Amino acid sequence: MTTPTSGFRPGDILTRAQIHPVLGGSGYAGICPAVEKKNVLIFSDSEIGKRYGYHDGWLAEDDDLGPIFTYTGAGKRGDQTFEGSGNRAILEHFTKKRTLHLFIAVGKVPGSGTRTHRYIGEFSLDKRKPFEVREAKDELDHDRNVIVFRMRPTGPYIRRDSDTLQRAADSGARFNRTAGRLARALRRQRRQRQPQTDVDQVMSVRDDLADTFEERERTEGKTVGQLDVSMRNSSSQLVLEIYNQTNNTVYEPTGSAASESITQALAQLLHARRHLRDLAHDQPLHLMVLAPELPREDLRDLLAEHGIGIVYRNESGGFSEFEGSSTPPRGIRCADCPVPA
């Protein structure tokens, strides 16, 4: 899926008056759908982002598929949604066969107030994780949830250090009561707007399971929400959608009890342990896999070896708990273990 850029090359400095006649769209919004040209124009401006406490930019570290640029969606008040044309245009760009074109504000035309933008290149949403939900301020300085799109370049691009997010100096965490539930609701909306795949069906089971379990925990008086973890020496965030603040427990939901889903959940929980075990809390850190059914014995043993328990949906529709070993694996610090004499 490629749309010719009509001579624009990554690194070109352009005004909107030069951009829109070629790629389509109009106005001065941060996201400009161009229906006739089959494009979606995305304008990132760090000065505007600072007003609302968020930062667009390249992640400092590539993953196994390459680089990722994160971009915060449109909406100045309240939680962001996919109801507005801009966020929806990014979300549906692939199914509607539109190309994402990214520009970053760099200054003004000398002697005028006209903004200039550096063309970064053509992009597409990350298929594995197209967006995350995080907390930021709105224009009234109220806390709200924003959509952070994860985009990958699909052709030539330019990447400058000034456009790259800084790595965190230390691990840290930020609790949000509503972000996880909103993220799951937005994923449902996305699935309803596109053909369903086997992966989508597994994710649907995962999200329904997470909502049901979180509601049960809230009904029992627990304080549950999403925990965003800043990882030391990384610009990425570890997003833990179900964290019980009351008893310091992380639950990683899965859409299947098969080996692939359980091992992915294990990896996520091991990351969580590494970055959360030293953070202050009056209770020791507990890690649990949340599964739609009890995994087979060898997978239960694998989790137990790492001190990870299991909560699973039982035959009556409720939840049962299968505890992992209370002995931490070798080399892992245990917050409530006695200190050797």
Protein backbone atom coordinates (compact mmCIF):
# COMPACT_ATOMS: atom_id res chain seq x y z
CA MET A 1 0.00 0.00 0.00
CA THR A 2 1.99 2.98 -1.27
CA THR A 3 0.93 6.46 -2.32
CA PRO A 4 3.45 8.49 -4.36
CA THR A 5 4.71 11.52 -2.46
CA SER A 6 5.04 13.56 -5.68
CA GLY A 7 8.62 14.60 -5.08
CA PHE A 8 8.54 15.03 -1.28
CA ARG A 9 11.57 13.35 0.24
CA PRO A 10 12.18 12.63 3.93
CA GLY A 11 13.93 15.67 5.35
CA ASP A 12 12.21 18.23 3.11
CA ILE A 13 11.11 21.40 4.97
CA LEU A 14 7.65 22.46 3.84
CA THR A 15 4.71 24.69 4.68
CA ARG A 16 1.11 23.50 4.69
CA ALA A 17 0.54 25.60 1.59
CA GLN A 18 3.07 23.36 -0.17
CA ILE A 19 1.90 20.11 1.42
CA HIS A 20 -1.89 20.12 1.02
CA PRO A 21 -2.10 20.69 -2.77
CA VAL A 22 0.08 17.61 -3.27
CA LEU A 23 -1.06 15.17 -0.58
CA GLY A 24 -4.57 16.49 0.02
CA GLY A 25 -6.29 17.57 3.21
CA SER A 26 -6.67 21.12 4.44
CA GLY A 27 -6.73 23.34 7.50
CA TYR A 28 -4.42 23.35 10.50
CA ALA A 29 -5.46 20.30 12.50
CA GLY A 30 -2.88 17.84 13.77
CA ILE A 31 -4.55 15.03 11.79
CA CYS A 32 -5.80 15.82 8.28
CA PRO A 33 -7.64 13.05 6.38
CA ALA A 34 -7.31 13.39 2.60
CA VAL A 35 -10.05 11.14 1.24
CA GLU A 36 -9.58 11.81 -2.49
CA LYS A 37 -5.79 11.43 -2.35
CA LYS A 38 -6.01 8.31 -0.15
CA ASN A 39 -3.76 9.85 2.52
CA VAL A 40 -3.84 10.83 6.17
CA LEU A 41 -1.52 13.70 7.08
CA ILE A 42 -0.15 13.73 10.62
CA PHE A 43 1.51 16.83 12.08
CA SER A 44 3.50 16.52 15.30
CA ASP A 45 4.39 19.66 17.29
CA SER A 46 6.42 19.32 20.49
CA GLU A 47 5.41 22.80 21.70
CA ILE A 48 1.73 21.89 21.61
CA GLY A 49 2.44 18.52 23.23
CA LYS A 50 4.19 20.16 26.19
CA ARG A 51 1.00 22.08 27.05
CA TYR A 52 -0.80 18.80 27.65
CA GLY A 53 2.00 16.78 29.22
CA TYR A 54 2.70 14.36 26.37
CA HIS A 55 5.58 13.82 23.99
CA ASP A 56 5.53 12.43 20.44
CA GLY A 57 8.65 10.88 19.01
CA TRP A 58 10.68 7.84 18.04
CA LEU A 59 11.18 5.22 20.70
CA ALA A 60 14.89 5.17 21.50
CA GLU A 61 15.08 1.41 21.02
CA ASP A 62 13.86 -0.62 18.04
CA ASP A 63 12.00 -3.89 18.54
CA ASP A 64 12.34 -7.04 16.44
CA LEU A 65 10.38 -5.42 13.57
CA GLY A 66 12.26 -2.12 13.59
CA PRO A 67 11.61 1.48 14.68
CA ILE A 68 8.38 2.89 16.12
CA PHE A 69 7.15 6.49 16.22
CA THR A 70 4.56 7.27 18.90
CA TYR A 71 1.95 9.95 18.22
CA THR A 72 -0.74 11.23 20.60
CA GLY A 73 -4.19 11.47 19.05
CA ALA A 74 -6.58 14.39 18.71
CA GLY A 75 -8.96 15.71 21.37
CA LYS A 76 -8.27 18.59 23.77
CA ARG A 77 -10.84 17.86 26.51
CA GLY A 78 -11.81 14.67 28.28
CA ASP A 79 -10.82 11.15 27.26
CA GLN A 80 -9.83 10.78 23.62
CA THR A 81 -11.94 8.45 21.49
CA PHE A 82 -12.21 7.18 17.91
CA GLU A 83 -15.39 9.18 17.28
CA GLY A 84 -13.55 12.17 15.84
CA SER A 85 -12.57 11.97 12.18
CA GLY A 86 -8.85 12.39 12.86
CA ASN A 87 -8.26 9.50 15.29
CA ARG A 88 -10.61 7.30 13.32
CA ALA A 89 -8.74 8.11 10.10
CA ILE A 90 -5.47 6.87 11.60
CA LEU A 91 -7.10 3.77 13.08
CA GLU A 92 -8.83 2.78 9.80
CA HIS A 93 -6.13 3.86 7.37
CA PHE A 94 -5.16 0.31 6.39
CA THR A 95 -8.67 -0.99 5.72
CA LYS A 96 -9.47 2.17 3.74
CA LYS A 97 -6.16 1.90 1.84
CA ARG A 98 -4.82 5.25 2.97
CA THR A 99 -1.18 6.09 3.63
CA LEU A 100 -0.02 7.90 6.77
CA HIS A 101 2.36 10.81 6.07
CA LEU A 102 4.20 12.17 9.09
CA PHE A 103 5.47 15.74 9.51
CA ILE A 104 7.23 17.33 12.49
CA ALA A 105 7.08 21.09 13.17
CA VAL A 106 10.53 22.68 12.98
CA GLY A 107 10.05 26.46 12.94
CA LYS A 108 8.67 29.34 10.89
CA VAL A 109 9.30 30.94 7.52
CA PRO A 110 11.76 33.83 8.18
CA GLY A 111 9.94 37.11 8.62
CA SER A 112 6.48 35.53 8.99
CA GLY A 113 4.35 33.47 11.34
CA THR A 114 3.96 30.60 8.86
CA ARG A 115 4.94 27.27 10.40
CA THR A 116 7.34 24.91 8.67
CA HIS A 117 7.34 21.12 8.94
CA ARG A 118 9.93 18.45 8.22
CA TYR A 119 8.63 15.54 6.17
CA ILE A 120 9.53 12.28 7.96
CA GLY A 121 8.10 9.69 5.55
CA GLU A 122 5.26 7.23 4.98
CA PHE A 123 3.97 5.14 7.88
CA SER A 124 1.50 2.45 8.87
CA LEU A 125 0.09 1.51 12.28
CA ASP A 126 1.90 -1.25 14.13
CA LYS A 127 -0.25 -4.33 13.52
CA ARG A 128 0.71 -6.05 16.77
CA LYS A 129 -0.08 -3.10 19.03
CA PRO A 130 -1.51 -0.14 17.10
CA PHE A 131 -2.10 2.08 20.15
CA GLU A 132 -1.85 2.42 23.91
CA VAL A 133 -3.92 4.46 26.37
CA ARG A 134 -2.06 6.74 28.78
CA GLU A 135 -2.83 9.58 31.15
CA ALA A 136 -2.22 13.24 30.28
CA LYS A 137 -3.71 16.69 30.92
CA ASP A 138 -6.41 18.31 28.83
CA GLU A 139 -6.63 22.00 27.97
CA LEU A 140 -8.39 22.65 31.31
CA ASP A 141 -5.52 20.95 33.18
CA HIS A 142 -7.72 18.00 34.11
CA ASP A 143 -6.37 14.44 34.06
CA ARG A 144 -7.71 12.39 31.17
CA ASN A 145 -6.79 9.41 28.97
CA VAL A 146 -5.19 9.89 25.57
CA ILE A 147 -4.63 7.52 22.64
CA VAL A 148 -0.97 7.03 21.76
CA PHE A 149 -0.63 5.58 18.25
CA ARG A 150 2.36 3.36 17.45
CA MET A 151 3.47 3.83 13.82
CA ARG A 152 6.14 2.13 11.72
CA PRO A 153 7.81 3.55 8.59
CA THR A 154 6.93 1.72 5.38
CA GLY A 155 9.62 3.23 3.17
CA PRO A 156 12.48 5.77 3.33
CA TYR A 157 12.37 7.96 6.44
CA ILE A 158 14.49 10.41 8.38
CA ARG A 159 15.19 9.98 12.09
CA ARG A 160 16.90 12.67 14.13
CA ASP A 161 18.08 12.55 17.73
CA SER A 162 15.98 15.63 18.50
CA ASP A 163 12.84 13.67 17.54
CA THR A 164 13.72 10.66 19.72
CA LEU A 165 12.21 10.17 23.17
CA GLN A 166 14.59 10.21 26.13
CA ARG A 167 15.33 7.02 28.03
CA ALA A 168 14.15 6.89 31.65
CA ALA A 169 16.94 7.28 34.19
CA ASP A 170 15.14 5.06 36.74
CA SER A 171 12.17 2.72 36.92
CA GLY A 172 8.90 4.28 38.05
CA ALA A 173 5.16 3.65 37.95
CA ARG A 174 1.97 5.63 37.49
CA PHE A 175 -1.46 4.27 38.47
CA ASN A 176 -4.59 5.03 36.45
CA ARG A 177 -8.02 3.71 37.48
CA THR A 178 -9.69 3.94 34.06
CA ALA A 179 -7.08 3.59 31.29
CA GLY A 180 -7.14 -0.21 31.07
CA ARG A 181 -10.91 -0.44 30.71
CA LEU A 182 -10.88 2.34 28.10
CA ALA A 183 -8.10 0.61 26.13
CA ARG A 184 -10.16 -2.58 25.99
CA ALA A 185 -13.26 -0.66 24.88
CA LEU A 186 -11.28 1.03 22.11
CA ARG A 187 -9.87 -2.30 20.94
CA ARG A 188 -13.43 -3.62 20.69
CA GLN A 189 -14.37 -0.65 18.52
CA ARG A 190 -11.41 -1.35 16.28
CA ARG A 191 -12.31 -5.02 15.90
CA GLN A 192 -15.87 -4.09 14.95
CA ARG A 193 -14.57 -1.92 12.10
CA GLN A 194 -12.42 -4.53 10.39
CA PRO A 195 -12.51 -8.21 9.35
CA GLN A 196 -11.85 -10.54 12.28
CA THR A 197 -8.72 -12.69 12.41
CA ASP A 198 -7.82 -15.58 14.71
CA VAL A 199 -5.64 -13.18 16.70
CA ASP A 200 -8.59 -10.78 17.06
CA GLN A 201 -10.73 -13.58 18.46
CA VAL A 202 -8.11 -14.43 21.08
CA MET A 203 -7.81 -10.75 22.01
CA SER A 204 -11.60 -10.53 22.31
CA VAL A 205 -11.60 -13.37 24.85
CA ARG A 206 -8.72 -11.68 26.69
CA ASP A 207 -10.46 -8.30 26.90
CA ASP A 208 -13.80 -9.78 28.02
CA LEU A 209 -12.01 -11.84 30.69
CA ALA A 210 -10.11 -8.79 31.93
CA ASP A 211 -13.26 -6.67 32.20
CA THR A 212 -15.15 -9.36 34.10
CA PHE A 213 -12.30 -9.95 36.53
CA GLU A 214 -11.64 -6.26 37.10
CA GLU A 215 -15.33 -5.69 37.83
CA ARG A 216 -15.27 -8.51 40.37
CA GLU A 217 -12.26 -7.00 42.11
CA ARG A 218 -13.91 -3.58 42.25
CA THR A 219 -17.11 -5.08 43.64
CA GLU A 220 -15.04 -6.60 46.43
CA GLY A 221 -13.72 -3.16 47.31
CA LYS A 222 -10.28 -3.47 45.70
CA THR A 223 -8.58 -0.52 44.02
CA VAL A 224 -7.83 -1.77 40.51
CA GLY A 225 -6.58 -0.04 37.39
CA GLN A 226 -3.75 0.24 34.88
CA LEU A 227 -0.12 0.66 35.91
CA ASP A 228 2.20 2.40 33.44
CA VAL A 229 5.77 1.44 34.25
CA SER A 230 8.74 3.52 33.11
CA MET A 231 11.60 1.11 32.53
CA ARG A 232 15.12 2.18 33.44
CA ASN A 233 17.26 2.98 30.39
CA SER A 234 14.27 2.67 28.05
CA SER A 235 11.91 5.12 26.36
CA SER A 236 9.16 2.48 26.17
CA GLN A 237 6.45 2.04 28.77
CA LEU A 238 5.44 -1.30 30.22
CA VAL A 239 1.63 -1.21 30.32
CA LEU A 240 0.03 -3.45 32.95
CA GLU A 241 -3.73 -3.20 32.38
CA ILE A 242 -4.80 -4.96 35.59
CA TYR A 243 -3.01 -3.92 38.76
CA ASN A 244 -4.57 -4.36 42.20
CA GLN A 245 -3.19 -1.43 44.16
CA THR A 246 -4.73 -2.72 47.39
CA ASN A 247 -2.59 -5.87 47.60
CA ASN A 248 0.20 -4.96 45.12
CA THR A 249 -0.71 -7.66 42.59
CA VAL A 250 -0.21 -7.60 38.83
CA TYR A 251 -2.58 -9.75 36.76
CA GLU A 252 -1.61 -10.42 33.14
CA PRO A 253 -4.71 -11.54 31.19
CA THR A 254 -4.54 -14.04 28.33
CA GLY A 255 -7.08 -14.98 25.68
CA SER A 256 -6.02 -18.62 25.74
CA ALA A 257 -4.48 -21.18 28.08
CA ALA A 258 -2.25 -22.46 25.26
CA SER A 259 1.53 -22.43 25.55
CA GLU A 260 2.06 -19.34 23.37
CA SER A 261 -0.31 -17.17 25.40
CA ILE A 262 1.01 -18.37 28.76
CA THR A 263 4.66 -17.83 27.84
CA GLN A 264 3.88 -14.32 26.54
CA ALA A 265 2.16 -13.52 29.82
CA LEU A 266 5.14 -14.94 31.71
CA ALA A 267 7.52 -12.65 29.83
CA GLN A 268 5.35 -9.62 30.63
CA LEU A 269 5.22 -10.51 34.31
CA LEU A 270 8.98 -11.05 34.53
CA HIS A 271 9.44 -7.56 33.09
CA ALA A 272 7.02 -6.26 35.70
CA ARG A 273 8.92 -7.96 38.52
CA ARG A 274 12.22 -6.52 37.38
CA HIS A 275 10.97 -2.94 37.43
CA LEU A 276 8.47 -3.05 40.30
CA ARG A 277 10.19 -5.12 42.97
CA ASP A 278 12.16 -2.16 44.35
CA LEU A 279 9.25 0.33 44.38
CA ALA A 280 7.85 1.17 47.80
CA HIS A 281 4.67 -0.63 48.90
CA ASP A 282 3.45 -1.95 52.24
CA GLN A 283 2.74 -5.36 50.65
CA PRO A 284 5.08 -7.71 48.74
CA LEU A 285 4.69 -7.82 44.97
CA HIS A 286 2.53 -10.67 43.64
CA LEU A 287 2.35 -11.78 40.00
CA MET A 288 -0.58 -13.72 38.52
CA VAL A 289 -1.60 -14.96 35.08
CA LEU A 290 -5.33 -14.44 34.40
CA ALA A 291 -6.47 -17.24 32.06
CA PRO A 292 -9.83 -18.28 30.55
CA GLU A 293 -9.23 -21.83 31.88
CA LEU A 294 -6.66 -23.70 33.93
CA PRO A 295 -3.49 -24.24 31.84
CA ARG A 296 -2.07 -27.74 31.52
CA GLU A 297 0.29 -29.09 34.17
CA ASP A 298 3.63 -28.36 32.48
CA LEU A 299 2.65 -24.69 32.03
CA ARG A 300 1.52 -24.48 35.64
CA ASP A 301 4.90 -25.87 36.67
CA LEU A 302 6.67 -23.32 34.45
CA LEU A 303 4.86 -20.45 36.14
CA ALA A 304 5.41 -21.95 39.59
CA GLU A 305 9.17 -22.12 38.93
CA HIS A 306 9.09 -18.33 38.61
CA GLY A 307 6.86 -17.77 41.64
CA ILE A 308 3.86 -16.81 39.48
CA GLY A 309 0.31 -17.89 40.33
CA ILE A 310 -2.77 -18.39 38.17
CA VAL A 311 -6.32 -17.08 38.35
CA TYR A 312 -8.61 -18.86 35.90
CA ARG A 313 -12.26 -19.00 34.89
CA ASN A 314 -13.83 -22.08 36.43
CA GLU A 315 -16.71 -24.22 35.15
CA SER A 316 -19.30 -22.26 37.14
CA GLY A 317 -18.23 -18.99 35.49
CA GLY A 318 -16.45 -17.64 38.54
CA PHE A 319 -12.73 -17.43 39.22
CA SER A 320 -10.46 -19.89 41.00
CA GLU A 321 -6.86 -19.40 42.05
CA PHE A 322 -3.91 -21.73 41.55
CA GLU A 323 -0.96 -20.50 43.59
CA GLY A 324 2.58 -20.58 42.26
CA SER A 325 5.51 -21.53 44.41
CA SER A 326 6.16 -19.13 47.27
CA THR A 327 9.89 -19.65 46.81
CA PRO A 328 11.35 -17.07 44.42
CA PRO A 329 13.58 -18.31 41.60
CA ARG A 330 17.31 -18.15 42.09
CA GLY A 331 18.67 -14.65 41.68
CA ILE A 332 15.31 -12.92 42.21
CA ARG A 333 14.90 -10.73 45.27
CA CYS A 334 11.88 -11.47 47.46
CA ALA A 335 10.43 -8.41 49.18
CA ASP A 336 9.11 -10.32 52.20
CA CYS A 337 11.81 -12.99 52.58
CA PRO A 338 13.90 -12.80 55.77
CA VAL A 339 17.29 -11.20 55.43
CA PRO A 340 20.12 -13.73 55.99
CA ALA A 341 22.01 -13.24 59.24
